Amino acid sequence: MRIDYLTLFPEMFEGVLNASILKRAREKQILQTRTINFRDYANNKHNQVDDYPYGGGQGMVLKPEPIFNAMRDLDTTEHTRVILMTPQGRRFDQQQAESLAKADHLVFICGHYEGYDERIRETLVTDEFSVGDFVLTGGELPAMVMTDAIVRLIPEVLGNQVSHEDDSFSSGLLEYPQYTRPRTFEGHDVPDVLLSGNHAHIEKWRREQSLIRTLEKRPDLLEKYPLTKEDKKIVESHKRTLKM
């Protein structure tokens, strides 16, 4: 995968792209990244990238020329996904990460100020995303969050190819509790079922715990999850326990 970032602050990406999983993906040449300062593409004396909005209003708006000029320098195809980071965008989630992980080329447009000239959105962009119902000073941090979520799903990036399949949200449920050594720590024990060696019982316990954890922490996810009859029994039983 190749990812290009159009940003006014390329230095913000250095720490994230040069550490941990993303660094290894780049070293393996599974991932290629480039940061482009679109201020370099401004066609005016002072490299101005923003201006006052027509019609009046607060703040400044990003001009179209620098973004359009920078995009023309990228080797895009009809399959390139051009992502606009904006509070108005669709809420980014695991399913979107899985979809974007199949792309060969992503472009993130990271804005600042009060917004974008609408012609950027209408002409260049294929996807608009938000990472939550709050406002940040720019699109760089959300782009980094999305990059981490996307790249770890690319084959051969993680050491264990199936390690992400049990992640929270990948199945539609939150992940079950995890334990490791020591068996007993400060009076708290690992559940006996995990030490039994009975894989069928372990899988059943993990399924139950995923359902219970989702009910307790994110009940909204259960509203659209296709529960089996056994799942419904577990959920209803735990609901009665909670009422007690």
C-alpha atoms as a PDB file:
ATOM      1  CA  MET A   1       0.000   0.000   0.000  1.00  0.00           C
ATOM      2  CA  ARG A   2       1.050   3.571  -0.667  1.00  0.00           C
ATOM      3  CA  ILE A   3      -0.244   6.407   1.508  1.00  0.00           C
ATOM      4  CA  ASP A   4       0.238  10.104   0.753  1.00  0.00           C
ATOM      5  CA  TYR A   5      -0.562  12.787   3.325  1.00  0.00           C
ATOM      6  CA  LEU A   6      -1.337  16.328   2.219  1.00  0.00           C
ATOM      7  CA  THR A   7      -0.567  18.398   5.305  1.00  0.00           C
ATOM      8  CA  LEU A   8       0.792  21.708   6.539  1.00  0.00           C
ATOM      9  CA  PHE A   9       2.730  19.894   9.275  1.00  0.00           C
ATOM     10  CA  PRO A  10       4.674  16.936   7.799  1.00  0.00           C
ATOM     11  CA  GLU A  11       6.816  16.682  10.928  1.00  0.00           C
ATOM     12  CA  MET A  12       3.815  15.503  12.937  1.00  0.00           C
ATOM     13  CA  PHE A  13       3.902  12.149  11.136  1.00  0.00           C
ATOM     14  CA  GLU A  14       7.549  11.312  11.810  1.00  0.00           C
ATOM     15  CA  GLY A  15       7.153   9.743  15.244  1.00  0.00           C
ATOM     16  CA  VAL A  16       4.130   7.634  14.347  1.00  0.00           C
ATOM     17  CA  LEU A  17       5.444   6.340  11.023  1.00  0.00           C
ATOM     18  CA  ASN A  18       8.876   5.541  12.461  1.00  0.00           C
ATOM     19  CA  ALA A  19       7.794   3.357  15.364  1.00  0.00           C
ATOM     20  CA  SER A  20       6.212  -0.011  16.103  1.00  0.00           C
ATOM     21  CA  ILE A  21       4.020  -1.769  13.522  1.00  0.00           C
ATOM     22  CA  LEU A  22       4.060   1.056  10.994  1.00  0.00           C
ATOM     23  CA  LYS A  23       7.843   1.225  11.043  1.00  0.00           C
ATOM     24  CA  ARG A  24       8.109  -2.524  10.467  1.00  0.00           C
ATOM     25  CA  ALA A  25       5.586  -2.360   7.629  1.00  0.00           C
ATOM     26  CA  ARG A  26       7.701   0.311   5.941  1.00  0.00           C
ATOM     27  CA  GLU A  27      10.914  -1.650   6.497  1.00  0.00           C
ATOM     28  CA  LYS A  28       9.299  -4.710   4.898  1.00  0.00           C
ATOM     29  CA  GLN A  29       8.234  -2.453   2.003  1.00  0.00           C
ATOM     30  CA  ILE A  30       4.629  -3.466   2.558  1.00  0.00           C
ATOM     31  CA  LEU A  31       3.855   0.181   3.187  1.00  0.00           C
ATOM     32  CA  GLN A  32       5.178   3.272   1.409  1.00  0.00           C
ATOM     33  CA  THR A  33       4.384   6.693   2.829  1.00  0.00           C
ATOM     34  CA  ARG A  34       4.989  10.261   1.777  1.00  0.00           C
ATOM     35  CA  THR A  35       4.099  13.561   3.412  1.00  0.00           C
ATOM     36  CA  ILE A  36       3.488  16.520   1.122  1.00  0.00           C
ATOM     37  CA  ASN A  37       3.344  20.061   2.464  1.00  0.00           C
ATOM     38  CA  PHE A  38       0.703  21.603   0.247  1.00  0.00           C
ATOM     39  CA  ARG A  39       1.919  25.077   1.198  1.00  0.00           C
ATOM     40  CA  ASP A  40       4.661  24.384  -1.355  1.00  0.00           C
ATOM     41  CA  TYR A  41       1.931  24.344  -4.013  1.00  0.00           C
ATOM     42  CA  ALA A  42       0.451  27.745  -3.239  1.00  0.00           C
ATOM     43  CA  ASN A  43       0.620  29.993  -6.282  1.00  0.00           C
ATOM     44  CA  ASN A  44       0.996  33.324  -4.528  1.00  0.00           C
ATOM     45  CA  LYS A  45       3.862  35.448  -3.234  1.00  0.00           C
ATOM     46  CA  HIS A  46       3.471  34.563   0.443  1.00  0.00           C
ATOM     47  CA  ASN A  47       2.536  30.874   0.001  1.00  0.00           C
ATOM     48  CA  GLN A  48      -0.866  31.600   1.478  1.00  0.00           C
ATOM     49  CA  VAL A  49      -3.110  28.526   1.668  1.00  0.00           C
ATOM     50  CA  ASP A  50      -6.173  30.064   3.310  1.00  0.00           C
ATOM     51  CA  ASP A  51      -8.412  33.083   2.827  1.00  0.00           C
ATOM     52  CA  TYR A  52     -11.535  34.741   4.207  1.00  0.00           C
ATOM     53  CA  PRO A  53     -14.805  33.002   3.322  1.00  0.00           C
ATOM     54  CA  TYR A  54     -17.121  34.548   0.754  1.00  0.00           C
ATOM     55  CA  GLY A  55     -20.243  35.789   2.446  1.00  0.00           C
ATOM     56  CA  GLY A  56     -18.424  36.547   5.691  1.00  0.00           C
ATOM     57  CA  GLY A  57     -18.052  34.469   8.804  1.00  0.00           C
ATOM     58  CA  GLN A  58     -15.546  33.422  11.411  1.00  0.00           C
ATOM     59  CA  GLY A  59     -12.095  32.068  10.642  1.00  0.00           C
ATOM     60  CA  MET A  60     -10.298  31.194   7.431  1.00  0.00           C
ATOM     61  CA  VAL A  61     -10.988  28.617   4.727  1.00  0.00           C
ATOM     62  CA  LEU A  62      -8.423  26.503   2.866  1.00  0.00           C
ATOM     63  CA  LYS A  63      -8.009  27.655  -0.717  1.00  0.00           C
ATOM     64  CA  PRO A  64      -8.541  25.130  -3.526  1.00  0.00           C
ATOM     65  CA  GLU A  65      -5.400  25.858  -5.577  1.00  0.00           C
ATOM     66  CA  PRO A  66      -2.737  24.351  -3.261  1.00  0.00           C
ATOM     67  CA  ILE A  67      -4.705  21.133  -2.751  1.00  0.00           C
ATOM     68  CA  PHE A  68      -5.537  20.739  -6.445  1.00  0.00           C
ATOM     69  CA  ASN A  69      -1.926  21.460  -7.459  1.00  0.00           C
ATOM     70  CA  ALA A  70      -0.560  18.944  -4.958  1.00  0.00           C
ATOM     71  CA  MET A  71      -3.009  16.267  -6.120  1.00  0.00           C
ATOM     72  CA  ARG A  72      -1.897  16.726  -9.718  1.00  0.00           C
ATOM     73  CA  ASP A  73       1.641  15.798  -8.643  1.00  0.00           C
ATOM     74  CA  LEU A  74       0.487  12.477  -7.187  1.00  0.00           C
ATOM     75  CA  ASP A  75       0.430   9.300  -9.238  1.00  0.00           C
ATOM     76  CA  THR A  76      -3.245   8.560  -8.665  1.00  0.00           C
ATOM     77  CA  THR A  77      -5.507   6.115 -10.472  1.00  0.00           C
ATOM     78  CA  GLU A  78      -9.252   5.650 -10.666  1.00  0.00           C
ATOM     79  CA  HIS A  79      -8.918   3.281  -7.689  1.00  0.00           C
ATOM     80  CA  THR A  80      -7.119   5.763  -5.399  1.00  0.00           C
ATOM     81  CA  ARG A  81      -9.143   6.522  -2.261  1.00  0.00           C
ATOM     82  CA  VAL A  82      -8.857  10.249  -1.458  1.00  0.00           C
ATOM     83  CA  ILE A  83      -9.869  10.784   2.162  1.00  0.00           C
ATOM     84  CA  LEU A  84     -10.933  14.109   3.608  1.00  0.00           C
ATOM     85  CA  MET A  85     -10.590  14.360   7.377  1.00  0.00           C
ATOM     86  CA  THR A  86     -13.575  16.394   8.554  1.00  0.00           C
ATOM     87  CA  PRO A  87     -15.989  16.476  11.531  1.00  0.00           C
ATOM     88  CA  GLN A  88     -18.773  16.235   8.931  1.00  0.00           C
ATOM     89  CA  GLY A  89     -17.518  12.868   7.670  1.00  0.00           C
ATOM     90  CA  ARG A  90     -18.769   9.368   8.290  1.00  0.00           C
ATOM     91  CA  ARG A  91     -17.734   7.917  11.639  1.00  0.00           C
ATOM     92  CA  PHE A  92     -14.651   5.757  11.062  1.00  0.00           C
ATOM     93  CA  ASP A  93     -14.978   2.198  12.381  1.00  0.00           C
ATOM     94  CA  GLN A  94     -13.439  -1.257  12.049  1.00  0.00           C
ATOM     95  CA  GLN A  95     -15.500  -2.143   8.988  1.00  0.00           C
ATOM     96  CA  GLN A  96     -14.220   0.959   7.207  1.00  0.00           C
ATOM     97  CA  ALA A  97     -10.666   0.062   8.215  1.00  0.00           C
ATOM     98  CA  GLU A  98     -11.120  -3.376   6.658  1.00  0.00           C
ATOM     99  CA  SER A  99     -12.424  -1.832   3.442  1.00  0.00           C
ATOM    100  CA  LEU A 100      -9.593   0.692   3.181  1.00  0.00           C
ATOM    101  CA  ALA A 101      -6.981  -1.991   3.928  1.00  0.00           C
ATOM    102  CA  LYS A 102      -7.785  -3.523   0.526  1.00  0.00           C
ATOM    103  CA  ALA A 103      -6.793  -0.349  -1.335  1.00  0.00           C
ATOM    104  CA  ASP A 104      -3.443   0.046  -3.088  1.00  0.00           C
ATOM    105  CA  HIS A 105      -3.268   3.819  -2.696  1.00  0.00           C
ATOM    106  CA  LEU A 106      -4.717   6.191  -0.093  1.00  0.00           C
ATOM    107  CA  VAL A 107      -4.451   9.976   0.050  1.00  0.00           C
ATOM    108  CA  PHE A 108      -5.288  11.805   3.275  1.00  0.00           C
ATOM    109  CA  ILE A 109      -6.123  15.502   3.009  1.00  0.00           C
ATOM    110  CA  CYS A 110      -5.446  17.037   6.427  1.00  0.00           C
ATOM    111  CA  GLY A 111      -6.922  20.478   6.798  1.00  0.00           C
ATOM    112  CA  HIS A 112      -6.787  23.274   9.340  1.00  0.00           C
ATOM    113  CA  TYR A 113      -8.658  26.482  10.046  1.00  0.00           C
ATOM    114  CA  GLU A 114     -12.454  26.675   9.674  1.00  0.00           C
ATOM    115  CA  GLY A 115     -12.825  24.326   6.745  1.00  0.00           C
ATOM    116  CA  TYR A 116     -12.208  23.615   3.068  1.00  0.00           C
ATOM    117  CA  ASP A 117     -13.285  25.345  -0.079  1.00  0.00           C
ATOM    118  CA  GLU A 118     -16.259  23.206  -1.116  1.00  0.00           C
ATOM    119  CA  ARG A 119     -14.740  22.528  -4.545  1.00  0.00           C
ATOM    120  CA  ILE A 120     -12.085  20.359  -2.877  1.00  0.00           C
ATOM    121  CA  ARG A 121     -14.803  18.183  -1.404  1.00  0.00           C
ATOM    122  CA  GLU A 122     -16.875  18.071  -4.588  1.00  0.00           C
ATOM    123  CA  THR A 123     -14.067  17.362  -7.062  1.00  0.00           C
ATOM    124  CA  LEU A 124     -11.187  15.506  -5.427  1.00  0.00           C
ATOM    125  CA  VAL A 125     -12.549  13.495  -2.523  1.00  0.00           C
ATOM    126  CA  THR A 126     -13.878   9.923  -2.577  1.00  0.00           C
ATOM    127  CA  ASP A 127     -14.381   9.472   1.182  1.00  0.00           C
ATOM    128  CA  GLU A 128     -15.023  11.768   4.145  1.00  0.00           C
ATOM    129  CA  PHE A 129     -14.265  10.479   7.645  1.00  0.00           C
ATOM    130  CA  SER A 130     -14.407  11.634  11.237  1.00  0.00           C
ATOM    131  CA  VAL A 131     -12.917   9.818  14.235  1.00  0.00           C
ATOM    132  CA  GLY A 132     -15.505  11.164  16.660  1.00  0.00           C
ATOM    133  CA  ASP A 133     -17.981  13.862  17.513  1.00  0.00           C
ATOM    134  CA  PHE A 134     -15.421  16.426  18.593  1.00  0.00           C
ATOM    135  CA  VAL A 135     -13.257  19.014  16.864  1.00  0.00           C
ATOM    136  CA  LEU A 136      -9.443  18.945  16.638  1.00  0.00           C
ATOM    137  CA  THR A 137      -7.079  21.620  15.398  1.00  0.00           C
ATOM    138  CA  GLY A 138      -6.281  19.668  12.249  1.00  0.00           C
ATOM    139  CA  GLY A 139      -6.655  16.427  10.348  1.00  0.00           C
ATOM    140  CA  GLU A 140      -3.201  15.017  11.084  1.00  0.00           C
ATOM    141  CA  LEU A 141      -4.012  13.146  14.295  1.00  0.00           C
ATOM    142  CA  PRO A 142      -7.151  11.494  12.857  1.00  0.00           C
ATOM    143  CA  ALA A 143      -5.172  10.502   9.745  1.00  0.00           C
ATOM    144  CA  MET A 144      -2.559   8.825  11.955  1.00  0.00           C
ATOM    145  CA  VAL A 145      -5.236   6.980  13.924  1.00  0.00           C
ATOM    146  CA  MET A 146      -6.828   5.733  10.725  1.00  0.00           C
ATOM    147  CA  THR A 147      -3.454   4.722   9.283  1.00  0.00           C
ATOM    148  CA  ASP A 148      -2.665   2.558  12.299  1.00  0.00           C
ATOM    149  CA  ALA A 149      -6.086   0.876  12.181  1.00  0.00           C
ATOM    150  CA  ILE A 150      -5.825   0.248   8.422  1.00  0.00           C
ATOM    151  CA  VAL A 151      -2.223  -0.876   8.004  1.00  0.00           C
ATOM    152  CA  ARG A 152      -2.329  -3.529  10.748  1.00  0.00           C
ATOM    153  CA  LEU A 153      -4.987  -5.317   8.667  1.00  0.00           C
ATOM    154  CA  ILE A 154      -2.783  -5.633   5.581  1.00  0.00           C
ATOM    155  CA  PRO A 155      -1.544  -9.221   5.126  1.00  0.00           C
ATOM    156  CA  GLU A 156       1.965  -9.882   6.552  1.00  0.00           C
ATOM    157  CA  VAL A 157       2.047  -6.685   8.620  1.00  0.00           C
ATOM    158  CA  LEU A 158       1.256  -8.398  11.922  1.00  0.00           C
ATOM    159  CA  GLY A 159       3.370 -11.343  12.992  1.00  0.00           C
ATOM    160  CA  ASN A 160       0.267 -13.506  13.466  1.00  0.00           C
ATOM    161  CA  GLN A 161      -1.936 -13.275  10.405  1.00  0.00           C
ATOM    162  CA  VAL A 162      -5.140 -14.004  12.350  1.00  0.00           C
ATOM    163  CA  SER A 163      -4.302 -11.974  15.449  1.00  0.00           C
ATOM    164  CA  HIS A 164      -6.602  -9.123  14.456  1.00  0.00           C
ATOM    165  CA  GLU A 165      -9.624 -11.346  13.819  1.00  0.00           C
ATOM    166  CA  ASP A 166     -10.543 -11.472  17.510  1.00  0.00           C
ATOM    167  CA  ASP A 167     -10.043  -7.744  18.045  1.00  0.00           C
ATOM    168  CA  SER A 168     -12.903  -5.735  19.457  1.00  0.00           C
ATOM    169  CA  PHE A 169     -15.289  -4.693  16.648  1.00  0.00           C
ATOM    170  CA  SER A 170     -13.808  -7.117  14.070  1.00  0.00           C
ATOM    171  CA  SER A 171     -16.515  -9.660  14.864  1.00  0.00           C
ATOM    172  CA  GLY A 172     -19.087  -7.049  15.811  1.00  0.00           C
ATOM    173  CA  LEU A 173     -18.583  -7.749  19.523  1.00  0.00           C
ATOM    174  CA  LEU A 174     -16.051  -6.510  22.052  1.00  0.00           C
ATOM    175  CA  GLU A 175     -13.107  -8.788  22.729  1.00  0.00           C
ATOM    176  CA  TYR A 176     -13.230 -11.293  25.591  1.00  0.00           C
ATOM    177  CA  PRO A 177     -10.931 -10.890  28.665  1.00  0.00           C
ATOM    178  CA  GLN A 178      -7.315 -11.977  28.223  1.00  0.00           C
ATOM    179  CA  TYR A 179      -4.914 -13.390  30.838  1.00  0.00           C
ATOM    180  CA  THR A 180      -1.248 -14.419  31.003  1.00  0.00           C
ATOM    181  CA  ARG A 181       1.258 -15.498  33.665  1.00  0.00           C
ATOM    182  CA  PRO A 182       1.338 -15.510  36.647  1.00  0.00           C
ATOM    183  CA  ARG A 183      -1.657 -17.722  37.351  1.00  0.00           C
ATOM    184  CA  THR A 184      -2.331 -15.864  40.615  1.00  0.00           C
ATOM    185  CA  PHE A 185      -1.547 -12.175  41.072  1.00  0.00           C
ATOM    186  CA  GLU A 186      -2.313 -10.223  44.226  1.00  0.00           C
ATOM    187  CA  GLY A 187      -5.169 -12.569  45.102  1.00  0.00           C
ATOM    188  CA  HIS A 188      -6.697 -12.592  41.615  1.00  0.00           C
ATOM    189  CA  ASP A 189      -6.737 -15.897  39.717  1.00  0.00           C
ATOM    190  CA  VAL A 190      -6.938 -16.763  36.043  1.00  0.00           C
ATOM    191  CA  PRO A 191     -10.336 -18.419  35.324  1.00  0.00           C
ATOM    192  CA  ASP A 192     -10.053 -22.192  35.618  1.00  0.00           C
ATOM    193  CA  VAL A 193     -11.592 -22.798  32.192  1.00  0.00           C
ATOM    194  CA  LEU A 194      -8.556 -21.184  30.502  1.00  0.00           C
ATOM    195  CA  LEU A 195      -6.278 -23.682  32.222  1.00  0.00           C
ATOM    196  CA  SER A 196      -8.423 -26.718  31.425  1.00  0.00           C
ATOM    197  CA  GLY A 197      -6.976 -27.491  28.005  1.00  0.00           C
ATOM    198  CA  ASN A 198     -10.517 -28.076  26.760  1.00  0.00           C
ATOM    199  CA  HIS A 199     -10.627 -25.867  23.679  1.00  0.00           C
ATOM    200  CA  ALA A 200     -14.360 -26.272  23.146  1.00  0.00           C
ATOM    201  CA  HIS A 201     -15.055 -25.042  26.679  1.00  0.00           C
ATOM    202  CA  ILE A 202     -12.571 -22.204  26.248  1.00  0.00           C
ATOM    203  CA  GLU A 203     -14.216 -21.031  23.016  1.00  0.00           C
ATOM    204  CA  LYS A 204     -17.639 -21.200  24.648  1.00  0.00           C
ATOM    205  CA  TRP A 205     -16.393 -19.155  27.636  1.00  0.00           C
ATOM    206  CA  ARG A 206     -14.807 -16.569  25.349  1.00  0.00           C
ATOM    207  CA  ARG A 207     -18.007 -16.242  23.357  1.00  0.00           C
ATOM    208  CA  GLU A 208     -20.025 -15.728  26.532  1.00  0.00           C
ATOM    209  CA  GLN A 209     -17.561 -13.169  27.846  1.00  0.00           C
ATOM    210  CA  SER A 210     -17.618 -11.234  24.561  1.00  0.00           C
ATOM    211  CA  LEU A 211     -21.389 -11.053  24.709  1.00  0.00           C
ATOM    212  CA  ILE A 212     -21.414 -10.024  28.377  1.00  0.00           C
ATOM    213  CA  ARG A 213     -18.696  -7.408  27.913  1.00  0.00           C
ATOM    214  CA  THR A 214     -20.498  -5.951  24.900  1.00  0.00           C
ATOM    215  CA  LEU A 215     -23.772  -5.829  26.826  1.00  0.00           C
ATOM    216  CA  GLU A 216     -22.114  -4.031  29.737  1.00  0.00           C
ATOM    217  CA  LYS A 217     -19.919  -1.604  27.814  1.00  0.00           C
ATOM    218  CA  ARG A 218     -21.456  -1.139  24.342  1.00  0.00           C
ATOM    219  CA  PRO A 219     -25.058  -2.434  24.350  1.00  0.00           C
ATOM    220  CA  ASP A 220     -25.703  -0.455  21.160  1.00  0.00           C
ATOM    221  CA  LEU A 221     -23.548  -2.955  19.246  1.00  0.00           C
ATOM    222  CA  LEU A 222     -25.894  -5.802  20.148  1.00  0.00           C
ATOM    223  CA  GLU A 223     -28.824  -4.028  18.492  1.00  0.00           C
ATOM    224  CA  LYS A 224     -27.417  -4.754  15.026  1.00  0.00           C
ATOM    225  CA  TYR A 225     -25.549  -7.984  15.802  1.00  0.00           C
ATOM    226  CA  PRO A 226     -27.110 -11.262  14.514  1.00  0.00           C
ATOM    227  CA  LEU A 227     -27.520 -13.106  17.825  1.00  0.00           C
ATOM    228  CA  THR A 228     -28.105 -16.851  17.796  1.00  0.00           C
ATOM    229  CA  LYS A 229     -30.674 -18.447  20.111  1.00  0.00           C
ATOM    230  CA  GLU A 230     -27.860 -19.398  22.487  1.00  0.00           C
ATOM    231  CA  ASP A 231     -26.474 -15.865  22.355  1.00  0.00           C
ATOM    232  CA  LYS A 232     -29.893 -14.458  23.270  1.00  0.00           C
ATOM    233  CA  LYS A 233     -30.126 -16.781  26.272  1.00  0.00           C
ATOM    234  CA  ILE A 234     -26.743 -15.588  27.528  1.00  0.00           C
ATOM    235  CA  VAL A 235     -27.644 -11.928  27.038  1.00  0.00           C
ATOM    236  CA  GLU A 236     -31.059 -12.229  28.698  1.00  0.00           C
ATOM    237  CA  SER A 237     -29.597 -14.176  31.612  1.00  0.00           C
ATOM    238  CA  HIS A 238     -26.977 -11.530  32.209  1.00  0.00           C
ATOM    239  CA  LYS A 239     -29.558  -8.755  31.930  1.00  0.00           C
ATOM    240  CA  ARG A 240     -31.473 -10.373  34.781  1.00  0.00           C
ATOM    241  CA  THR A 241     -28.246 -10.566  36.799  1.00  0.00           C
ATOM    242  CA  LEU A 242     -27.575  -6.878  36.242  1.00  0.00           C
ATOM    243  CA  LYS A 243     -31.067  -5.955  37.465  1.00  0.00           C
ATOM    244  CA  MET A 244     -30.414  -7.846  40.687  1.00  0.00           C
END
